[in-house]
Amino acid sequence: MHSRRAEGHKMGDLLQPWHLIILAIVAFLLFGAKRLPELGKGLGEGLKGFREGIKGVSDPPPPTTQQSTQTPPPPPPASNEPPRQG
């Protein structure tokens, strides 16, 4: 037996406007009006972190500027006067 695939069905057909509306209604019913903004915020922050992580992996690390080890300045020269006794 040969499996027949319907012509015209592609992955792009999954995100039609009606599908998105139905998904939004189901999410609203499952999570309620109070939780949806929290979930959206968490999802956005997660995607932002993911993108930053991917960017960090694909981009070479920025060149680090090595601070030269500076020697402390020499102490001031001692004066030629003898110490005073008081």
C-alpha atoms as a PDB file:
ATOM      1  CA  MET A   1       0.000   0.000   0.000  1.00  0.00           C
ATOM      2  CA  HIS A   2       1.155   3.467  -0.774  1.00  0.00           C
ATOM      3  CA  SER A   3       0.397   6.263   1.595  1.00  0.00           C
ATOM      4  CA  ARG A   4      -1.126   9.220  -0.125  1.00  0.00           C
ATOM      5  CA  ARG A   5      -0.393  12.692   1.014  1.00  0.00           C
ATOM      6  CA  ALA A   6      -2.937  15.376   0.443  1.00  0.00           C
ATOM      7  CA  GLU A   7      -1.740  17.908  -2.059  1.00  0.00           C
ATOM      8  CA  GLY A   8      -1.430  21.433  -0.709  1.00  0.00           C
ATOM      9  CA  HIS A   9      -0.974  20.543   2.981  1.00  0.00           C
ATOM     10  CA  LYS A  10       2.256  21.996   4.228  1.00  0.00           C
ATOM     11  CA  MET A  11       3.654  23.048   7.586  1.00  0.00           C
ATOM     12  CA  GLY A  12       2.764  26.659   6.768  1.00  0.00           C
ATOM     13  CA  ASP A  13      -0.924  25.740   6.935  1.00  0.00           C
ATOM     14  CA  LEU A  14      -0.739  25.159  10.689  1.00  0.00           C
ATOM     15  CA  LEU A  15      -0.638  28.832  11.639  1.00  0.00           C
ATOM     16  CA  GLN A  16      -3.684  30.145   9.825  1.00  0.00           C
ATOM     17  CA  PRO A  17      -5.586  33.026  11.492  1.00  0.00           C
ATOM     18  CA  TRP A  18      -8.387  30.747  12.666  1.00  0.00           C
ATOM     19  CA  HIS A  19      -5.894  28.359  14.237  1.00  0.00           C
ATOM     20  CA  LEU A  20      -4.260  31.223  16.129  1.00  0.00           C
ATOM     21  CA  ILE A  21      -7.650  32.471  17.374  1.00  0.00           C
ATOM     22  CA  ILE A  22      -8.592  28.997  18.597  1.00  0.00           C
ATOM     23  CA  LEU A  23      -5.217  28.640  20.343  1.00  0.00           C
ATOM     24  CA  ALA A  24      -5.718  32.022  22.041  1.00  0.00           C
ATOM     25  CA  ILE A  25      -9.183  31.000  23.268  1.00  0.00           C
ATOM     26  CA  VAL A  26      -7.876  27.686  24.610  1.00  0.00           C
ATOM     27  CA  ALA A  27      -4.994  29.451  26.389  1.00  0.00           C
ATOM     28  CA  PHE A  28      -7.447  31.955  27.875  1.00  0.00           C
ATOM     29  CA  LEU A  29      -9.687  29.159  29.143  1.00  0.00           C
ATOM     30  CA  LEU A  30      -6.789  27.164  30.579  1.00  0.00           C
ATOM     31  CA  PHE A  31      -4.835  29.926  32.276  1.00  0.00           C
ATOM     32  CA  GLY A  32      -7.341  32.700  32.890  1.00  0.00           C
ATOM     33  CA  ALA A  33      -7.036  36.432  32.358  1.00  0.00           C
ATOM     34  CA  LYS A  34      -4.702  37.043  35.317  1.00  0.00           C
ATOM     35  CA  ARG A  35      -2.074  34.476  34.370  1.00  0.00           C
ATOM     36  CA  LEU A  36      -1.792  35.282  30.646  1.00  0.00           C
ATOM     37  CA  PRO A  37       0.240  38.520  31.067  1.00  0.00           C
ATOM     38  CA  GLU A  38       2.580  36.739  33.486  1.00  0.00           C
ATOM     39  CA  LEU A  39       3.034  33.873  31.049  1.00  0.00           C
ATOM     40  CA  GLY A  40       3.665  36.262  28.166  1.00  0.00           C
ATOM     41  CA  LYS A  41       6.253  38.164  30.179  1.00  0.00           C
ATOM     42  CA  GLY A  42       8.006  34.965  31.217  1.00  0.00           C
ATOM     43  CA  LEU A  43       7.985  33.671  27.656  1.00  0.00           C
ATOM     44  CA  GLY A  44       9.413  36.945  26.352  1.00  0.00           C
ATOM     45  CA  GLU A  45      12.195  36.983  28.941  1.00  0.00           C
ATOM     46  CA  GLY A  46      12.988  33.362  28.190  1.00  0.00           C
ATOM     47  CA  LEU A  47      13.228  34.027  24.459  1.00  0.00           C
ATOM     48  CA  LYS A  48      15.425  37.066  25.090  1.00  0.00           C
ATOM     49  CA  GLY A  49      17.788  35.020  27.246  1.00  0.00           C
ATOM     50  CA  PHE A  50      17.816  32.242  24.674  1.00  0.00           C
ATOM     51  CA  ARG A  51      18.708  34.657  21.877  1.00  0.00           C
ATOM     52  CA  GLU A  52      21.472  36.222  23.967  1.00  0.00           C
ATOM     53  CA  GLY A  53      22.805  32.763  24.750  1.00  0.00           C
ATOM     54  CA  ILE A  54      22.783  31.757  21.102  1.00  0.00           C
ATOM     55  CA  LYS A  55      24.448  35.032  20.149  1.00  0.00           C
ATOM     56  CA  GLY A  56      27.140  34.431  22.758  1.00  0.00           C
ATOM     57  CA  VAL A  57      27.799  30.933  21.437  1.00  0.00           C
ATOM     58  CA  SER A  58      27.937  31.914  17.765  1.00  0.00           C
ATOM     59  CA  ASP A  59      29.908  35.159  18.189  1.00  0.00           C
ATOM     60  CA  PRO A  60      33.549  35.042  19.243  1.00  0.00           C
ATOM     61  CA  PRO A  61      34.147  36.456  22.701  1.00  0.00           C
ATOM     62  CA  PRO A  62      35.039  40.135  22.753  1.00  0.00           C
ATOM     63  CA  PRO A  63      38.752  40.817  23.110  1.00  0.00           C
ATOM     64  CA  THR A  64      39.658  41.253  26.724  1.00  0.00           C
ATOM     65  CA  THR A  65      41.720  44.258  27.604  1.00  0.00           C
ATOM     66  CA  GLN A  66      44.495  43.149  29.871  1.00  0.00           C
ATOM     67  CA  GLN A  67      45.362  45.712  32.435  1.00  0.00           C
ATOM     68  CA  SER A  68      49.082  46.101  32.708  1.00  0.00           C
ATOM     69  CA  THR A  69      50.358  45.423  36.163  1.00  0.00           C
ATOM     70  CA  GLN A  70      51.528  48.768  37.325  1.00  0.00           C
ATOM     71  CA  THR A  71      54.247  48.960  39.910  1.00  0.00           C
ATOM     72  CA  PRO A  72      53.493  51.328  42.748  1.00  0.00           C
ATOM     73  CA  PRO A  73      55.331  54.643  42.556  1.00  0.00           C
ATOM     74  CA  PRO A  74      58.611  54.749  44.468  1.00  0.00           C
ATOM     75  CA  PRO A  75      58.473  56.335  47.910  1.00  0.00           C
ATOM     76  CA  PRO A  76      59.433  59.996  48.069  1.00  0.00           C
ATOM     77  CA  PRO A  77      63.133  60.580  48.554  1.00  0.00           C
ATOM     78  CA  ALA A  78      64.218  60.870  52.151  1.00  0.00           C
ATOM     79  CA  SER A  79      65.253  64.334  53.204  1.00  0.00           C
ATOM     80  CA  ASN A  80      68.884  64.965  54.076  1.00  0.00           C
ATOM     81  CA  GLU A  81      67.969  66.613  57.393  1.00  0.00           C
ATOM     82  CA  PRO A  82      68.586  64.566  60.533  1.00  0.00           C
ATOM     83  CA  PRO A  83      65.476  63.605  62.506  1.00  0.00           C
ATOM     84  CA  ARG A  84      64.459  66.148  65.139  1.00  0.00           C
ATOM     85  CA  GLN A  85      64.349  65.161  68.746  1.00  0.00           C
ATOM     86  CA  GLY A  86      61.805  66.863  70.812  1.00  0.00           C
END
